[in-house]
Structures are given as C-alpha cells and as structure tokens.
Protein backbone atom coordinates (compact mmCIF):
# COMPACT_ATOMS: atom_id res chain seq x y z
CA MET A 1 2.57 -2.30 21.15
CA PRO A 2 -0.97 -1.81 22.49
CA GLU A 3 -3.09 -4.80 23.40
CA GLN A 4 -5.08 -6.07 20.43
CA HIS A 5 -8.88 -5.96 20.40
CA PRO A 6 -10.13 -9.51 21.09
CA ALA A 7 -12.36 -9.49 17.97
CA LEU A 8 -9.27 -9.19 15.73
CA ALA A 9 -8.67 -12.90 16.33
CA ASP A 10 -11.75 -13.56 14.18
CA SER A 11 -10.78 -11.13 11.40
CA ALA A 12 -11.27 -12.71 7.97
CA PHE A 13 -8.57 -10.40 6.60
CA LEU A 14 -5.94 -11.45 9.14
CA LYS A 15 -6.85 -15.11 8.72
CA ALA A 16 -6.45 -14.86 4.94
CA VAL A 17 -3.09 -13.11 5.03
CA ARG A 18 -1.83 -15.81 7.39
CA GLY A 19 -3.18 -18.58 5.18
CA GLU A 20 -5.81 -19.75 7.68
CA PRO A 21 -9.39 -20.86 6.82
CA VAL A 22 -11.77 -17.91 6.40
CA PRO A 23 -15.55 -17.51 6.90
CA HIS A 24 -15.67 -15.48 3.67
CA THR A 25 -13.18 -13.98 1.24
CA PRO A 26 -12.10 -10.72 2.90
CA VAL A 27 -12.22 -7.54 0.83
CA TRP A 28 -10.79 -4.05 1.03
CA PHE A 29 -9.84 -1.58 -1.70
CA MET A 30 -6.66 0.33 -2.34
CA ARG A 31 -7.50 4.05 -2.25
CA GLN A 32 -10.85 3.17 -0.63
CA ALA A 33 -10.40 6.30 1.50
CA GLY A 34 -10.28 8.87 -1.24
CA ARG A 35 -11.58 10.91 -4.08
CA SER A 36 -14.52 8.67 -5.00
CA LEU A 37 -16.29 9.47 -1.71
CA PRO A 38 -18.32 12.69 -1.40
CA GLU A 39 -17.70 12.71 2.36
CA TYR A 40 -13.94 12.62 1.65
CA LEU A 41 -14.18 15.57 -0.74
CA ALA A 42 -16.19 17.47 1.86
CA VAL A 43 -13.63 17.11 4.67
CA ARG A 44 -10.68 17.75 2.33
CA GLU A 45 -12.12 20.95 0.88
CA GLY A 46 -9.51 23.68 1.12
CA VAL A 47 -6.99 21.38 2.87
CA GLY A 48 -3.79 20.31 1.09
CA MET A 49 -2.96 16.62 0.79
CA LEU A 50 0.08 16.65 3.06
CA GLU A 51 -1.64 18.89 5.60
CA SER A 52 -4.55 16.44 5.76
CA CYS A 53 -2.11 13.54 6.28
CA MET A 54 -0.54 15.40 9.21
CA THR A 55 -3.83 16.27 10.96
CA PRO A 56 -4.97 13.39 13.21
CA GLU A 57 -8.65 14.35 13.18
CA LEU A 58 -8.69 14.24 9.37
CA VAL A 59 -6.61 11.07 9.11
CA VAL A 60 -8.96 9.26 11.48
CA GLU A 61 -12.12 10.48 9.76
CA ILE A 62 -10.87 9.73 6.22
CA THR A 63 -9.60 6.27 7.19
CA LEU A 64 -12.94 5.40 8.81
CA GLN A 65 -15.19 6.70 6.00
CA PRO A 66 -14.98 3.64 3.69
CA VAL A 67 -15.27 1.25 6.65
CA ARG A 68 -18.55 2.92 7.60
CA ARG A 69 -19.86 3.10 4.03
CA TYR A 70 -18.80 -0.28 2.65
CA GLY A 71 -18.24 -2.52 5.69
CA VAL A 72 -14.90 -3.68 4.27
CA ASP A 73 -12.80 -6.22 6.17
CA ALA A 74 -9.82 -3.88 6.72
CA ALA A 75 -9.01 -0.19 6.92
CA ILE A 76 -6.00 1.25 5.11
CA PHE A 77 -4.20 4.05 6.94
CA PHE A 78 -4.71 7.35 5.12
CA SER A 79 -1.28 8.68 4.21
CA ASP A 80 0.95 9.37 1.23
CA ILE A 81 4.12 7.79 -0.11
CA VAL A 82 6.14 10.99 0.30
CA LEU A 83 4.87 12.02 3.74
CA PRO A 84 7.86 10.53 5.63
CA LEU A 85 10.20 12.60 3.44
CA LYS A 86 8.25 15.75 4.25
CA ALA A 87 8.37 14.80 7.92
CA VAL A 88 12.18 14.66 7.98
CA GLY A 89 12.48 18.01 6.22
CA VAL A 90 12.69 17.32 2.46
CA ASP A 91 11.34 20.35 0.58
CA LEU A 92 8.42 18.90 -1.36
CA ASP A 93 4.73 19.40 -1.97
CA ILE A 94 1.89 17.51 -3.63
CA LYS A 95 0.53 19.63 -6.46
CA PRO A 96 -3.06 18.90 -7.55
CA GLY A 97 -3.15 17.24 -10.95
CA VAL A 98 0.61 16.65 -10.89
CA GLY A 99 1.62 14.72 -7.77
CA PRO A 100 4.66 15.02 -5.51
CA VAL A 101 7.13 17.72 -6.59
CA VAL A 102 10.59 17.90 -4.97
CA ALA A 103 12.25 21.34 -4.87
CA HIS A 104 15.85 20.06 -4.90
CA PRO A 105 16.17 16.64 -6.58
CA VAL A 106 18.82 14.24 -5.30
CA ARG A 107 21.92 14.02 -7.48
CA THR A 108 24.95 13.40 -5.24
CA LEU A 109 26.06 11.57 -2.10
CA ASP A 110 25.96 14.91 -0.28
CA ASP A 111 22.30 15.26 -1.25
CA VAL A 112 21.60 11.83 0.24
CA GLU A 113 23.52 12.55 3.42
CA ARG A 114 21.52 15.72 3.99
CA ILE A 115 18.32 13.67 4.39
CA PRO A 116 17.83 12.82 8.08
CA ASP A 117 16.77 9.38 9.29
CA LEU A 118 13.17 9.22 10.48
CA THR A 119 12.38 8.78 14.18
CA PRO A 120 9.01 8.60 15.97
CA GLU A 121 9.61 12.20 17.09
CA HIS A 122 9.28 13.31 13.45
CA VAL A 123 5.74 11.94 13.18
CA PRO A 124 3.86 12.26 16.50
CA TYR A 125 0.65 12.87 14.53
CA ILE A 126 0.99 9.38 12.99
CA THR A 127 1.20 7.72 16.40
CA GLU A 128 -1.80 9.71 17.61
CA SER A 129 -3.82 8.93 14.47
CA VAL A 130 -3.14 5.19 14.57
CA ARG A 131 -3.89 4.87 18.29
CA THR A 132 -7.19 6.69 17.86
CA LEU A 133 -8.09 4.62 14.81
CA VAL A 134 -7.34 1.30 16.49
CA GLY A 135 -9.67 2.30 19.31
CA GLU A 136 -12.42 3.29 16.86
CA LEU A 137 -12.03 0.28 14.57
CA GLY A 138 -12.35 -2.39 17.25
CA GLY A 139 -12.36 -5.73 15.44
CA THR A 140 -11.55 -4.27 12.00
CA PRO A 141 -7.80 -4.46 11.31
CA LEU A 142 -5.83 -1.36 10.32
CA ILE A 143 -3.25 -1.77 7.55
CA GLY A 144 -0.19 0.45 7.86
CA PHE A 145 1.18 1.98 4.69
CA ALA A 146 4.49 3.13 3.19
CA GLY A 147 6.12 3.63 -0.19
CA ALA A 148 8.78 1.17 -1.33
CA PRO A 149 12.34 2.44 -1.82
CA PHE A 150 12.37 2.41 -5.65
CA THR A 151 9.20 4.45 -6.04
CA VAL A 152 10.19 6.99 -3.38
CA ALA A 153 13.69 7.22 -4.87
CA SER A 154 12.21 7.93 -8.29
CA TYR A 155 10.32 10.95 -6.94
CA LEU A 156 13.46 12.24 -5.23
CA VAL A 157 15.69 11.81 -8.27
CA GLU A 158 13.24 12.90 -10.97
CA GLY A 159 11.89 15.79 -8.89
CA GLY A 160 8.34 14.57 -9.53
CA PRO A 161 6.33 11.87 -11.34
CA SER A 162 7.96 10.33 -14.41
CA LYS A 163 6.87 7.87 -17.08
CA GLU A 164 10.35 6.89 -18.27
CA HIS A 165 12.30 7.13 -14.97
CA ALA A 166 15.31 8.06 -17.10
CA LEU A 167 17.13 10.06 -14.42
CA THR A 168 16.41 7.37 -11.85
CA LYS A 169 17.85 4.62 -14.03
CA ALA A 170 20.78 6.82 -15.03
CA MET A 171 21.73 7.03 -11.35
CA MET A 172 21.06 3.33 -10.79
CA PHE A 173 23.35 2.30 -13.66
CA GLY A 174 25.82 5.19 -13.75
CA ALA A 175 26.28 6.20 -10.12
CA PRO A 176 25.72 2.96 -8.17
CA ASP A 177 27.33 4.33 -5.02
CA VAL A 178 24.86 7.23 -4.89
CA TRP A 179 22.00 4.90 -5.77
CA ASP A 180 22.89 2.41 -3.04
CA ALA A 181 23.20 5.16 -0.44
CA LEU A 182 19.86 6.68 -1.47
CA MET A 183 18.05 3.35 -1.42
CA ARG A 184 19.50 2.48 1.98
CA LYS A 185 18.39 5.87 3.29
CA ILE A 186 14.83 5.46 1.99
CA ALA A 187 14.60 1.85 3.16
CA GLY A 188 15.46 3.04 6.66
CA ILE A 189 12.87 5.81 6.51
CA SER A 190 10.12 3.53 5.14
CA ALA A 191 10.84 0.83 7.73
CA ALA A 192 10.85 3.36 10.58
CA TYR A 193 7.59 4.86 9.31
CA LEU A 194 5.92 1.44 9.25
CA GLU A 195 7.34 0.59 12.68
CA VAL A 196 5.70 3.72 14.12
CA GLN A 197 2.34 2.55 12.75
CA VAL A 198 2.78 -1.01 14.03
CA GLU A 199 3.93 0.17 17.46
CA ALA A 200 0.76 2.29 17.67
CA GLY A 201 -1.45 -0.70 16.83
CA ALA A 202 -1.60 -1.40 13.06
CA SER A 203 -2.36 -5.11 12.47
CA ALA A 204 -0.63 -5.45 9.05
CA VAL A 205 1.35 -3.31 6.61
CA GLN A 206 1.46 -2.73 2.86
CA LEU A 207 4.64 -1.68 1.06
CA PHE A 208 3.55 0.01 -2.15
CA ASP A 209 5.88 0.14 -5.18
CA SER A 210 4.02 2.22 -7.78
CA TRP A 211 6.82 2.33 -10.34
CA ALA A 212 8.56 -1.06 -9.95
CA GLY A 213 6.94 -2.21 -13.20
CA ALA A 214 9.46 -0.03 -15.05
CA LEU A 215 12.22 -2.52 -14.15
CA THR A 216 13.50 -5.75 -15.68
CA PRO A 217 13.75 -8.74 -13.34
CA ARG A 218 17.56 -8.52 -13.43
CA ASP A 219 17.62 -4.85 -12.49
CA TYR A 220 14.98 -5.34 -9.80
CA ARG A 221 16.95 -8.21 -8.27
CA GLU A 222 20.29 -6.37 -8.32
CA HIS A 223 19.35 -2.77 -7.58
CA VAL A 224 15.98 -2.75 -5.80
CA MET A 225 15.07 -6.05 -4.18
CA PRO A 226 17.79 -5.91 -1.46
CA HIS A 227 16.41 -2.58 -0.25
CA SER A 228 12.74 -3.63 -0.28
CA SER A 229 13.88 -6.77 1.56
CA ARG A 230 15.49 -4.60 4.22
CA VAL A 231 12.18 -2.84 4.88
CA LEU A 232 10.17 -6.07 4.93
CA GLU A 233 12.70 -7.82 7.17
CA ARG A 234 12.55 -5.06 9.76
CA ILE A 235 8.77 -5.15 9.79
CA GLY A 236 8.83 -8.94 9.91
CA ALA A 237 10.52 -8.66 13.29
CA THR A 238 7.31 -7.08 14.64
CA GLY A 239 5.28 -10.16 13.73
CA VAL A 240 2.63 -8.39 11.62
CA PRO A 241 1.76 -9.66 8.13
CA ARG A 242 3.40 -7.84 5.20
CA ILE A 243 1.70 -7.10 1.86
CA HIS A 244 3.93 -6.09 -1.05
CA PHE A 245 2.23 -4.53 -4.07
CA GLY A 246 3.52 -3.06 -7.32
CA VAL A 247 1.91 -1.83 -10.53
CA GLY A 248 2.68 -3.55 -13.83
CA THR A 249 4.81 -6.15 -12.05
CA THR A 250 3.77 -9.34 -13.86
CA ASN A 251 7.43 -10.21 -14.49
CA LEU A 252 8.47 -9.39 -10.90
CA LEU A 253 5.86 -11.16 -8.77
CA GLY A 254 8.09 -14.06 -7.77
CA LEU A 255 10.89 -11.70 -6.77
CA MET A 256 8.52 -9.42 -4.86
CA GLY A 257 7.44 -12.43 -2.83
CA GLU A 258 11.05 -13.46 -2.25
CA ALA A 259 11.77 -9.94 -1.01
CA GLY A 260 9.95 -10.89 2.17
CA ALA A 261 6.22 -10.56 1.59
CA ASP A 262 3.62 -12.69 3.32
CA VAL A 263 1.09 -11.48 0.75
CA VAL A 264 1.86 -10.49 -2.85
CA GLY A 265 -0.48 -7.90 -4.33
CA VAL A 266 -1.39 -8.62 -7.93
CA ASP A 267 -2.48 -5.92 -10.36
CA TRP A 268 -5.26 -6.58 -12.89
CA ARG A 269 -2.92 -7.27 -15.82
CA THR A 270 -1.89 -10.66 -14.44
CA PRO A 271 -4.40 -13.52 -14.28
CA LEU A 272 -4.66 -14.44 -10.61
CA ASP A 273 -4.09 -18.15 -11.26
CA ALA A 274 -0.82 -17.33 -13.04
CA ALA A 275 0.24 -15.10 -10.15
CA ILE A 276 -0.52 -17.82 -7.60
CA ALA A 277 1.67 -20.26 -9.53
CA THR A 278 4.49 -17.70 -9.46
CA VAL A 279 4.54 -16.50 -5.85
CA GLY A 280 4.96 -19.86 -4.12
CA ASP A 281 3.48 -20.61 -0.71
CA ARG A 282 2.20 -17.10 -0.10
CA SER A 283 -1.16 -15.44 0.10
CA VAL A 284 -2.24 -13.13 -2.71
CA GLN A 285 -4.23 -9.92 -2.89
CA GLY A 286 -6.28 -8.76 -5.84
CA ASN A 287 -7.12 -8.38 -8.59
CA LEU A 288 -10.32 -7.17 -10.28
CA ASP A 289 -9.76 -4.59 -13.03
CA PRO A 290 -10.65 -1.24 -11.39
CA THR A 291 -12.69 -0.24 -14.46
CA LEU A 292 -15.09 -3.16 -14.01
CA VAL A 293 -16.94 -1.14 -11.36
CA PHE A 294 -18.17 0.98 -14.29
CA ALA A 295 -19.74 -2.08 -15.95
CA PRO A 296 -23.28 -3.29 -15.19
CA ALA A 297 -23.43 -4.82 -11.71
CA GLU A 298 -24.02 -8.34 -13.05
CA VAL A 299 -20.92 -8.11 -15.26
CA MET A 300 -18.82 -6.78 -12.38
CA THR A 301 -19.96 -9.50 -9.98
CA ALA A 302 -19.50 -12.27 -12.55
CA ARG A 303 -15.89 -11.22 -13.01
CA ALA A 304 -15.47 -10.86 -9.24
CA ALA A 305 -16.67 -14.44 -8.85
CA GLU A 306 -13.93 -15.56 -11.26
CA VAL A 307 -11.33 -13.80 -9.12
CA ILE A 308 -12.67 -15.41 -5.93
CA GLU A 309 -12.66 -18.84 -7.53
CA ALA A 310 -9.09 -18.39 -8.79
CA GLY A 311 -8.06 -17.26 -5.32
CA ARG A 312 -9.05 -20.61 -3.82
CA ALA A 313 -5.79 -22.10 -5.14
CA ALA A 314 -3.66 -19.69 -3.08
CA ARG A 315 -2.45 -20.15 0.48
CA GLY A 316 -4.81 -17.29 1.30
CA HIS A 317 -6.68 -14.69 -0.76
CA VAL A 318 -7.68 -11.12 0.00
CA PHE A 319 -10.03 -9.66 -2.62
CA ASN A 320 -9.08 -6.22 -3.92
CA LEU A 321 -9.01 -4.27 -7.12
CA GLY A 322 -5.88 -4.62 -9.20
CA HIS A 323 -4.99 -1.00 -8.40
CA GLY A 324 -6.55 1.92 -6.54
CA VAL A 325 -10.18 3.00 -6.75
CA ILE A 326 -10.64 5.37 -9.70
CA PRO A 327 -11.88 8.80 -8.49
CA SER A 328 -15.04 8.75 -10.66
CA THR A 329 -16.16 5.37 -9.22
CA ASP A 330 -19.74 5.23 -7.95
CA PRO A 331 -19.54 4.42 -4.22
CA ASP A 332 -22.82 2.49 -4.45
CA GLN A 333 -21.21 0.13 -6.96
CA LEU A 334 -18.30 -0.52 -4.59
CA LYS A 335 -20.81 -1.30 -1.85
CA ARG A 336 -22.50 -3.83 -4.17
CA LEU A 337 -19.10 -5.38 -4.88
CA THR A 338 -18.21 -5.58 -1.17
CA ASP A 339 -21.51 -7.24 -0.32
CA PHE A 340 -21.12 -9.69 -3.19
CA VAL A 341 -17.60 -10.77 -2.19
CA GLN A 342 -18.48 -11.13 1.49
CA GLY A 343 -21.62 -13.09 0.65
CA TYR A 344 -19.98 -15.43 -1.87
CA ALA A 345 -20.23 -19.02 -0.63
CA LEU A 346 -16.81 -20.69 -0.27
CA SER A 347 -18.12 -24.12 0.75
C-alpha cells in the first residue's frame, strides 16, 4: 500500500468512521459523482457507462468533480456494481434507462464455475485510477466501492434489474447448492475488487447492497449475511474502515452491522436515532431524504440539522443522503447543504 498523505490524519471523515472526535460532521453524498452535474454529463457524452469506468482519465475526472464543486469530506470512487463481472469476462452491458443486462443468466453450478475469480491483472485501469486519484486528492480520503454479493447475484440470476427478485429467491430457496456457490464466487470477486482499490491507496470502502431490503431478517442471516461477512472480513484485514449500506433495510440494520461493518449506512426510511439504537457500538452514515434537496433551502437545512443532532448519539456520524443523489438535483442546493453541515456547530 502507498504511503498515506500526512493530511489524512486530520480527515473529519476518517475520524468519524473510527469513532474519534471530529472538528465538524463530515459529509459526502452517494452518487455525488454523477448525473446531477453538468460537467459529468459533458465528459460522459457519447461514452458508455462501463467504458467510462474502465478509462482512468474519465474515472479520475468524474471522481474529482464533486470534490471540486462541493468541497465534500470524502471522494467516492467512480465505478459500477457490475464492473468486476465485466472485467472477468461476464457478457453484460449497462443499457441506458434499464440498467445492467446479463446476456446469459446464471442457472446452474456449471454457470457459476465458468465465472473466473478476479485478480489485479483483470483491472489494471482500477489500480491506475486509484493511484492517480490519491495523488490528486491529497488530504481528502478516497472511498473504494463494490457491490455486495446479494445485489450482484440478483443481476446475474435475473438477467437484469428486478423488483420482485423471484428468480433470485427461487434459487436461494430451491437450489441452495447453486446459490451458495454463486454467493461465494461473488464474495471473492467483490473482496478482490476492493483489495485492489485499497492496495492502490483507498482510505475506506463501501459495500453497497441495493436490493437487500427485499429480504426477511431470517433469510438475510441464513443466505446472505455469511457472504457479505466474508467480503468485509477480508477487507478488515487491510485495516481500512468498512461502510455497509443497503436500501430499504430498516429490519436488517443490526445484522448488517454484525456482518462486519465499522459504519452502517442508513437509508432515509429509518429515523437515525432508531438506527443508532439498533447497530450497537458502530458509527452510522446518513440519512437525509434525497428529495429534501428539492425543498426550500431553509426546510432542507432544518431537516439536516435534525439529522446532525440525532447523529451525536452514535459512536461516529458521517452525514449523507439516505440514498444516491437524484439526477435532477440542483448542484447549487447540494453545495448549500455541504456548507451547512460543515459549518454546523457541534460544541
């Protein structure tokens, strides 16, 4: 691992995720590098999503754009949940307006066994991108990024996005041997993908489980949690803090913490004080409703203040939206929110 920039020792984000006293509540936004920024749309024009994720110059520029514009306390590595699958040779593409589409969905053990394990040699452009970014960011931490096994498995089994996850659950309940093999395979790929980012200099990681909210606590504990734990345990060996976030996971927050997270991301549906009481001695991340940036600034900041105040009860608190930035968000409003959170007096 490269030597860390000395200013990272003073990072409010890294202090918060470790549960240390902070000079201000740190703030960053999921999907801060994305479709709400005109400069993002300009550099992505005519370039496919996966192609942009595999082009170091674009990855670096897109990751840096929100740091320049907003002055957030952390950068999130610009990537996509399915990129590691593409890197090892799975036939898939991201179709505009649809999402990831897999040409040959996984159905059998043979299908699983045909998916190679990921090595650093599969993703040299990731190593190059992270190293360049770490040099550019200086004292601003870079958060590595990967999809959690359940969400990635759902794309592979369904062949694309799904609301019901019926095929996924049919495999989970009806073909547990195939399910276990698939989840082990994806856990290995996700962990290796995060390790590449950490080895190149990322200061923390986020494991993102978009679809985990479709599960009951029992099914999450039995069929999913062991595999997410495997990813988080491997990354834990590197010493970097681990954020674990899922959407619609009010009933799973305690388990997601137990899976091995240092920080549990909380979506906007769960009151932050209730989440803090559930996750134990862990830091939390969140959780302003993403639509509040469309409200008048004084309404948005009043609600943000409530989130900050609730966050005081946690071991540490990183301010974020309760999900990703909505594409039609006004960047100027996000700048106002960033300034408000960073200027909010904690003493």
